Amino acid sequence: MDYTLMHREMPVMEIEIDEETGVISKIGELINAPHLPVGLKMVNGIPSRRALNEWWTGRAIPASRVGLRDALKRMNVSSPQFLLTRCFGLSLSDQYWVRSEKKLIEWKDVNFFDNAFSDDVGEILFGGMSVGRPDLMSPDNTSDGWLKKKWIIVNGERWLVKDGSPAFYQEPLNEALASAIMRRLGVAHAHYNIVYEHGRPFSVCADFVGSETDLVSARSIISTAKRPKHISEYRHYLDCCERLGIPGVEQSLNEMLTVDFLIANTDRHFNNFGAIRNAETLEWIGAAPVFDCGASMYYDRLTELINPRLPGESKPFCPSHDEQIKLVTDFGWLSMESMHGIDEEYSDILKGSEYIDGARRANLCSAIETRVGILRDIVAGAF
């Protein structure tokens, strides 16, 4: 075996990786089963190679990433999976990595939480040109999502910079709105700021995963048990969390689904919420703070088609927000009074962008005010 799957300093499993494709070609000795990634399908007490590959290749930049094909060409790389071994599979979302038998390196010397990393991959992903051969030792090799993004280091902290999509580049502005709403409501969240480069907005937020914790996606959590046909995905997720011993999940879902309703979030999928655990003790700390709220507030709708009274597409538990908000079991934590003036705060956020004209800004601010009113009526009817 030419690699060992590691969890911080803990050897987990021996594997072979095809250097050309970046795919796990063979699995060997299972050394420490409790430290395997959460939710892997097991066959006769060991993870199947298919399941392990789904997890491993799932760490790579998704094929849907904007501009990826051109970026790979400029890096002279055949696929995003090829990039995984070039950074030892290291991420800023968890503590997993692979150690080569040819390079007996230690976690403390390579992990991205404590060590510097290359800016080359991030710059290329954002359309910049590298000079000479790029340094591929970067957490950008293991970043998820379809929008352009890159990791940077600011005063020793790891920050994620994220782009928006044409024509309005509204997603970063929506992240700032969601942060403002959750700050007002006291909801644990990743706080997003806006920075501008050549007039274009980008969102930036500090990494909420530390050097001793793992972010475990809801998708991994629901994969720990097969869902009975008579059980909803919402109930199944809660049941899986309860079996694993993850505290505070129902309340965190109440908060997340409420915020998603307010901002008409269309992309709350099973990979952008989950839970945090201690990577050494494997103790569950609780639900992850709410993050990744940009695909909301009609970001891809023409201005004249913005209609906040329509049910609106939702994920992950129900196809519409009108249905999904019914899953909230408690509104006692929710202060509707704290939403007073959120339309004005949103207006101030939108004013900074040259991609949002006055008419669109007016429609969006009216829309968030309307969503607050609709939620107020729902809450009043719940008591």
Protein backbone atom coordinates (compact mmCIF):
# COMPACT_ATOMS: atom_id res chain seq x y z
CA MET A 1 0.00 0.00 0.00
CA ASP A 2 1.38 3.41 -0.95
CA TYR A 3 -0.78 5.66 1.26
CA THR A 4 -2.26 5.70 4.73
CA LEU A 5 -5.55 7.47 5.35
CA MET A 6 -4.92 9.63 8.41
CA HIS A 7 -7.13 11.49 10.89
CA ARG A 8 -4.75 14.06 12.32
CA GLU A 9 -1.96 11.88 13.78
CA MET A 10 -4.15 8.76 13.80
CA PRO A 11 -3.54 6.11 11.08
CA VAL A 12 -6.95 4.91 9.91
CA MET A 13 -6.55 2.65 6.87
CA GLU A 14 -4.01 1.55 4.27
CA ILE A 15 -4.94 2.42 0.68
CA GLU A 16 -3.49 2.59 -2.83
CA ILE A 17 -4.18 5.62 -5.02
CA ASP A 18 -3.78 5.70 -8.80
CA GLU A 19 -1.48 8.67 -9.40
CA GLU A 20 -2.93 9.36 -12.85
CA THR A 21 -6.62 9.43 -11.90
CA GLY A 22 -6.43 10.25 -8.19
CA VAL A 23 -8.82 7.36 -7.49
CA ILE A 24 -8.36 4.82 -4.69
CA SER A 25 -7.47 1.63 -6.54
CA LYS A 26 -7.15 -0.74 -3.58
CA ILE A 27 -7.92 -0.82 0.11
CA GLY A 28 -5.76 -2.58 2.66
CA GLU A 29 -5.64 -3.00 6.41
CA LEU A 30 -8.22 -1.20 8.53
CA ILE A 31 -6.24 0.18 11.45
CA ASN A 32 -8.72 2.29 13.41
CA ALA A 33 -12.38 1.89 12.46
CA PRO A 34 -13.86 4.52 14.84
CA HIS A 35 -11.85 7.21 13.02
CA LEU A 36 -13.19 6.36 9.56
CA PRO A 37 -15.16 9.17 7.89
CA VAL A 38 -18.75 9.24 9.10
CA GLY A 39 -21.36 7.41 7.05
CA LEU A 40 -19.21 5.09 4.94
CA LYS A 41 -20.98 1.96 3.77
CA MET A 42 -19.36 -1.07 5.39
CA VAL A 43 -19.06 -4.57 3.92
CA ASN A 44 -17.95 -7.35 6.27
CA GLY A 45 -16.64 -4.82 8.74
CA ILE A 46 -14.61 -2.70 6.32
CA PRO A 47 -15.62 0.18 4.05
CA SER A 48 -16.31 -0.74 0.45
CA ARG A 49 -13.84 0.67 -2.07
CA ARG A 50 -16.73 2.34 -3.87
CA ALA A 51 -17.90 4.08 -0.71
CA LEU A 52 -14.38 5.16 0.18
CA ASN A 53 -13.88 6.51 -3.35
CA GLU A 54 -17.14 8.44 -3.21
CA TRP A 55 -15.92 10.10 -0.03
CA TRP A 56 -12.39 10.65 -1.36
CA THR A 57 -13.28 12.02 -4.80
CA GLY A 58 -16.06 14.02 -3.14
CA ARG A 59 -13.29 16.04 -1.49
CA ALA A 60 -12.18 17.30 -4.90
CA ILE A 61 -13.38 20.49 -6.58
CA PRO A 62 -16.75 19.61 -8.17
CA ALA A 63 -16.94 19.43 -11.95
CA SER A 64 -19.69 22.07 -11.84
CA ARG A 65 -17.30 24.76 -10.53
CA VAL A 66 -17.41 27.85 -12.73
CA GLY A 67 -14.28 28.12 -14.89
CA LEU A 68 -12.85 24.80 -13.69
CA ARG A 69 -12.00 23.39 -17.13
CA ASP A 70 -9.90 26.40 -18.04
CA ALA A 71 -8.25 26.42 -14.61
CA LEU A 72 -7.24 22.76 -14.90
CA LYS A 73 -5.78 23.42 -18.33
CA ARG A 74 -3.65 26.28 -16.99
CA MET A 75 -2.45 24.08 -14.14
CA ASN A 76 -1.68 21.30 -16.65
CA VAL A 77 -3.86 18.95 -14.63
CA SER A 78 -6.21 16.36 -16.09
CA SER A 79 -8.90 16.33 -13.39
CA PRO A 80 -9.76 17.85 -10.00
CA GLN A 81 -9.21 14.41 -8.43
CA PHE A 82 -5.58 14.56 -9.56
CA LEU A 83 -5.13 17.60 -7.30
CA LEU A 84 -6.05 15.66 -4.16
CA THR A 85 -2.76 13.87 -3.66
CA ARG A 86 -0.86 17.06 -4.53
CA CYS A 87 -2.07 18.51 -1.24
CA PHE A 88 -2.27 15.14 0.61
CA GLY A 89 -6.06 15.50 0.60
CA LEU A 90 -5.78 18.18 3.27
CA SER A 91 -8.76 20.43 3.87
CA LEU A 92 -9.81 23.35 6.06
CA SER A 93 -13.12 21.60 6.83
CA ASP A 94 -11.83 18.52 8.64
CA GLN A 95 -8.68 16.73 9.80
CA TYR A 96 -8.46 13.91 7.22
CA TRP A 97 -5.48 13.52 4.90
CA VAL A 98 -3.33 10.85 3.25
CA ARG A 99 0.30 10.18 4.06
CA SER A 100 2.53 8.70 1.39
CA GLU A 101 4.97 5.93 2.22
CA LYS A 102 7.49 7.88 0.16
CA LYS A 103 7.10 11.00 2.32
CA LEU A 104 6.77 10.18 5.99
CA ILE A 105 5.53 13.61 6.94
CA GLU A 106 3.69 14.58 10.10
CA TRP A 107 0.36 16.33 10.55
CA LYS A 108 1.88 19.21 12.47
CA ASP A 109 4.17 20.02 9.54
CA VAL A 110 1.59 20.07 6.72
CA ASN A 111 -1.92 20.81 7.96
CA PHE A 112 -3.41 24.03 6.59
CA PHE A 113 -4.73 25.22 9.95
CA ASP A 114 -1.23 25.82 11.30
CA ASN A 115 0.93 26.05 8.18
CA ALA A 116 1.03 28.46 5.25
CA PHE A 117 -0.25 27.30 1.87
CA SER A 118 0.08 28.29 -1.76
CA ASP A 119 -2.09 31.02 -3.31
CA ASP A 120 -1.50 29.69 -6.83
CA VAL A 121 -4.52 27.39 -7.14
CA GLY A 122 -6.90 30.02 -5.78
CA GLU A 123 -5.59 32.68 -8.13
CA ILE A 124 -5.94 30.36 -11.12
CA LEU A 125 -9.47 29.36 -10.08
CA PHE A 126 -10.33 33.06 -10.05
CA GLY A 127 -8.98 33.50 -13.56
CA GLY A 128 -5.51 34.78 -12.68
CA MET A 129 -2.40 33.56 -14.48
CA SER A 130 0.32 31.74 -12.59
CA VAL A 131 3.95 32.44 -13.34
CA GLY A 132 5.85 29.26 -14.09
CA ARG A 133 4.81 25.98 -12.52
CA PRO A 134 2.06 26.49 -9.90
CA ASP A 135 2.49 25.26 -6.34
CA LEU A 136 -0.44 22.87 -5.81
CA MET A 137 -0.16 22.63 -2.01
CA SER A 138 -3.46 24.37 -1.35
CA PRO A 139 -6.78 23.87 0.50
CA ASP A 140 -8.46 25.18 -2.66
CA ASN A 141 -7.99 21.67 -4.06
CA THR A 142 -10.58 20.41 -1.55
CA SER A 143 -13.13 23.23 -1.61
CA ASP A 144 -16.75 22.40 -2.40
CA GLY A 145 -19.43 24.27 -4.37
CA TRP A 146 -19.99 25.55 -7.89
CA LEU A 147 -19.09 29.20 -7.35
CA LYS A 148 -15.49 30.40 -7.53
CA LYS A 149 -13.85 30.47 -4.11
CA LYS A 150 -10.42 30.51 -2.54
CA TRP A 151 -8.81 30.41 0.89
CA ILE A 152 -6.57 33.20 2.14
CA ILE A 153 -4.69 33.89 5.38
CA VAL A 154 -5.41 37.22 7.10
CA ASN A 155 -3.52 37.99 10.33
CA GLY A 156 -3.07 34.28 10.92
CA GLU A 157 -6.74 33.42 10.37
CA ARG A 158 -8.09 31.32 7.49
CA TRP A 159 -10.74 33.17 5.46
CA LEU A 160 -12.84 31.94 2.55
CA VAL A 161 -13.39 34.35 -0.34
CA LYS A 162 -16.40 33.55 -2.51
CA ASP A 163 -17.63 34.99 -5.81
CA GLY A 164 -21.15 35.50 -7.10
CA SER A 165 -22.73 34.69 -10.44
CA PRO A 166 -23.73 36.98 -13.32
CA ALA A 167 -25.62 39.06 -14.05
CA PHE A 168 -26.24 40.47 -10.57
CA TYR A 169 -23.40 38.93 -8.50
CA GLN A 170 -25.91 38.99 -5.68
CA GLU A 171 -24.89 35.90 -3.68
CA PRO A 172 -22.19 37.69 -1.62
CA LEU A 173 -24.69 40.44 -0.74
CA ASN A 174 -27.21 37.82 0.35
CA GLU A 175 -24.61 36.26 2.63
CA ALA A 176 -24.29 39.63 4.35
CA LEU A 177 -28.09 39.88 4.66
CA ALA A 178 -28.30 36.38 6.17
CA SER A 179 -25.54 37.30 8.64
CA ALA A 180 -27.46 40.43 9.63
CA ILE A 181 -30.68 38.44 10.17
CA MET A 182 -28.95 35.76 12.24
CA ARG A 183 -27.09 38.35 14.30
CA ARG A 184 -30.44 39.96 15.14
CA LEU A 185 -32.04 36.61 15.98
CA GLY A 186 -29.12 35.23 17.96
CA VAL A 187 -28.61 32.28 15.59
CA ALA A 188 -25.14 30.72 15.54
CA HIS A 189 -23.71 31.41 12.09
CA ALA A 190 -20.65 32.00 9.95
CA HIS A 191 -20.37 35.77 9.72
CA TYR A 192 -19.89 37.11 6.18
CA ASN A 193 -18.45 40.48 5.22
CA ILE A 194 -18.32 42.03 1.75
CA VAL A 195 -15.19 43.15 -0.04
CA TYR A 196 -15.06 44.78 -3.45
CA GLU A 197 -12.50 44.27 -6.18
CA HIS A 198 -12.83 46.39 -9.33
CA GLY A 199 -16.40 47.15 -8.26
CA ARG A 200 -17.41 43.49 -7.91
CA PRO A 201 -18.59 42.12 -4.54
CA PHE A 202 -17.10 39.05 -2.88
CA SER A 203 -18.10 37.52 0.43
CA VAL A 204 -15.46 36.65 3.02
CA CYS A 205 -15.87 34.63 6.20
CA ALA A 206 -13.53 33.13 8.76
CA ASP A 207 -13.19 29.35 8.94
CA PHE A 208 -15.39 28.04 11.76
CA VAL A 209 -13.61 24.68 11.76
CA GLY A 210 -10.50 24.58 13.91
CA SER A 211 -7.42 22.39 13.94
CA GLU A 212 -9.09 19.91 16.31
CA THR A 213 -12.57 19.66 14.82
CA ASP A 214 -14.37 18.13 11.83
CA LEU A 215 -17.33 19.52 9.94
CA VAL A 216 -19.49 16.48 9.16
CA SER A 217 -22.11 17.05 6.49
CA ALA A 218 -25.76 16.16 6.93
CA ARG A 219 -25.31 13.85 3.95
CA SER A 220 -22.70 11.84 5.85
CA ILE A 221 -24.92 11.79 8.94
CA ILE A 222 -27.99 10.45 7.12
CA SER A 223 -25.77 7.81 5.52
CA THR A 224 -25.12 6.21 8.91
CA ALA A 225 -28.44 4.35 8.67
CA LYS A 226 -30.87 3.35 5.95
CA ARG A 227 -34.04 5.45 5.91
CA PRO A 228 -37.24 3.42 6.35
CA LYS A 229 -39.75 4.18 3.61
CA HIS A 230 -42.36 5.44 6.07
CA ILE A 231 -39.94 7.93 7.68
CA SER A 232 -39.44 11.43 6.23
CA GLU A 233 -35.95 12.71 5.49
CA TYR A 234 -36.41 15.32 8.22
CA ARG A 235 -37.27 12.67 10.81
CA HIS A 236 -34.52 10.40 9.53
CA TYR A 237 -31.92 13.14 9.97
CA LEU A 238 -33.07 13.79 13.54
CA ASP A 239 -33.04 10.05 14.30
CA CYS A 240 -29.50 9.66 12.93
CA CYS A 241 -28.30 12.63 14.98
CA GLU A 242 -29.92 11.18 18.09
CA ARG A 243 -28.26 7.79 17.58
CA LEU A 244 -24.89 9.49 17.12
CA GLY A 245 -25.42 11.63 20.20
CA ILE A 246 -25.29 15.04 18.49
CA PRO A 247 -26.84 17.61 20.84
CA GLY A 248 -29.17 20.50 20.00
CA VAL A 249 -30.03 19.44 16.46
CA GLU A 250 -33.80 20.03 16.49
CA GLN A 251 -33.40 23.60 17.68
CA SER A 252 -30.65 24.27 15.14
CA LEU A 253 -32.97 23.03 12.38
CA ASN A 254 -35.75 25.28 13.69
CA GLU A 255 -33.41 28.24 13.33
CA MET A 256 -31.92 27.27 9.97
CA LEU A 257 -35.28 26.54 8.33
CA THR A 258 -36.72 29.79 9.65
CA VAL A 259 -33.83 31.83 8.28
CA ASP A 260 -34.04 29.97 4.95
CA PHE A 261 -37.75 30.80 4.80
CA LEU A 262 -37.07 34.49 5.39
CA ILE A 263 -34.45 34.74 2.65
CA ALA A 264 -36.14 32.26 0.27
CA ASN A 265 -33.02 30.10 0.15
CA THR A 266 -33.22 27.68 -2.80
CA ASP A 267 -30.03 25.69 -2.16
CA ARG A 268 -29.95 24.32 1.41
CA HIS A 269 -28.77 20.85 0.41
CA PHE A 270 -27.39 18.06 2.59
CA ASN A 271 -23.81 19.14 1.99
CA ASN A 272 -24.10 22.68 3.37
CA PHE A 273 -25.29 21.98 6.88
CA GLY A 274 -24.31 19.39 9.44
CA ALA A 275 -22.50 19.00 12.74
CA ILE A 276 -19.14 19.57 14.40
CA ARG A 277 -17.17 16.93 16.30
CA ASN A 278 -13.85 16.75 18.09
CA ALA A 279 -11.43 14.98 15.75
CA GLU A 280 -9.40 13.42 18.56
CA THR A 281 -12.08 12.28 21.02
CA LEU A 282 -14.81 11.89 18.35
CA GLU A 283 -17.18 13.64 20.77
CA TRP A 284 -19.98 15.53 19.04
CA ILE A 285 -19.99 19.24 19.88
CA GLY A 286 -23.26 20.14 18.20
CA ALA A 287 -24.79 21.47 15.02
CA ALA A 288 -22.57 23.49 12.71
CA PRO A 289 -23.24 27.22 12.56
CA VAL A 290 -25.46 28.20 9.65
CA PHE A 291 -23.42 28.97 6.53
CA ASP A 292 -23.69 29.20 2.74
CA CYS A 293 -26.88 31.26 2.32
CA GLY A 294 -26.03 33.06 -0.91
CA ALA A 295 -28.42 31.28 -3.30
CA SER A 296 -31.37 33.20 -1.94
CA MET A 297 -33.40 36.41 -2.33
CA TYR A 298 -34.17 35.69 -5.99
CA TYR A 299 -30.49 36.02 -6.90
CA ASP A 300 -31.05 34.54 -10.36
CA ARG A 301 -34.44 36.13 -11.10
CA LEU A 302 -35.03 39.10 -13.34
CA THR A 303 -36.11 42.08 -11.29
CA GLU A 304 -39.66 42.13 -12.64
CA LEU A 305 -40.10 38.43 -11.73
CA ILE A 306 -39.34 38.82 -8.02
CA ASN A 307 -42.46 37.69 -6.14
CA PRO A 308 -41.98 37.01 -2.40
CA ARG A 309 -45.54 35.71 -1.99
CA LEU A 310 -45.00 32.65 -4.15
CA PRO A 311 -44.26 29.42 -2.22
CA GLY A 312 -40.73 29.30 -3.62
CA GLU A 313 -38.44 26.31 -4.18
CA SER A 314 -36.75 24.93 -1.09
CA LYS A 315 -34.42 22.15 0.07
CA PRO A 316 -33.56 19.77 1.65
CA PHE A 317 -36.68 18.38 3.31
CA CYS A 318 -39.57 19.81 1.28
CA PRO A 319 -39.88 21.17 -2.28
CA SER A 320 -41.43 24.49 -1.17
CA HIS A 321 -40.82 26.87 1.72
CA ASP A 322 -44.52 26.93 2.55
CA GLU A 323 -44.27 23.22 3.34
CA GLN A 324 -40.82 23.25 4.91
CA ILE A 325 -41.57 25.99 7.46
CA LYS A 326 -44.20 23.65 8.93
CA LEU A 327 -41.36 21.42 10.13
CA VAL A 328 -40.31 24.06 12.65
CA THR A 329 -41.38 22.71 16.03
CA ASP A 330 -40.82 25.83 18.12
CA PHE A 331 -40.91 29.56 17.43
CA GLY A 332 -40.49 30.56 21.07
CA TRP A 333 -36.90 31.68 20.42
CA LEU A 334 -37.93 33.94 17.52
CA SER A 335 -38.24 37.68 18.09
CA MET A 336 -40.07 39.20 15.15
CA GLU A 337 -39.46 42.64 16.64
CA SER A 338 -35.74 42.17 15.98
CA MET A 339 -36.51 42.18 12.25
CA HIS A 340 -37.62 45.80 12.34
CA GLY A 341 -35.59 47.77 9.80
CA ILE A 342 -33.99 44.73 8.14
CA ASP A 343 -35.14 46.09 4.76
CA GLU A 344 -33.16 49.27 5.38
CA GLU A 345 -30.08 47.29 6.40
CA TYR A 346 -30.42 45.18 3.24
CA SER A 347 -30.69 48.38 1.20
CA ASP A 348 -27.42 49.62 2.66
CA ILE A 349 -25.78 46.30 1.74
CA LEU A 350 -27.10 46.42 -1.83
CA LYS A 351 -26.12 50.05 -2.40
CA GLY A 352 -22.45 49.11 -2.50
CA SER A 353 -22.82 47.03 -5.67
CA GLU A 354 -22.85 48.53 -9.14
CA TYR A 355 -24.57 45.36 -10.38
CA ILE A 356 -27.78 46.15 -8.42
CA ASP A 357 -29.70 49.11 -9.83
CA GLY A 358 -32.26 51.16 -7.93
CA ALA A 359 -35.27 49.23 -9.19
CA ARG A 360 -33.82 45.88 -8.20
CA ARG A 361 -32.75 47.19 -4.82
CA ALA A 362 -36.26 48.51 -4.17
CA ASN A 363 -37.86 45.18 -5.17
CA LEU A 364 -35.46 43.14 -3.04
CA CYS A 365 -35.93 45.32 0.03
CA SER A 366 -39.68 45.14 -0.38
CA ALA A 367 -39.38 41.37 -0.77
CA ILE A 368 -37.52 40.84 2.52
CA GLU A 369 -40.06 43.05 4.30
CA THR A 370 -42.87 40.97 2.79
CA ARG A 371 -41.17 37.71 3.84
CA VAL A 372 -40.91 39.02 7.40
CA GLY A 373 -44.64 39.82 7.33
CA ILE A 374 -45.55 36.37 6.04
CA LEU A 375 -43.43 34.72 8.74
CA ARG A 376 -45.03 36.94 11.39
CA ASP A 377 -48.47 35.65 10.34
CA ILE A 378 -47.23 32.04 10.43
CA VAL A 379 -45.80 32.49 13.92
CA ALA A 380 -49.00 34.16 15.14
CA GLY A 381 -51.02 31.22 13.81
CA ALA A 382 -48.76 28.72 15.56
CA PHE A 383 -49.89 29.82 19.02
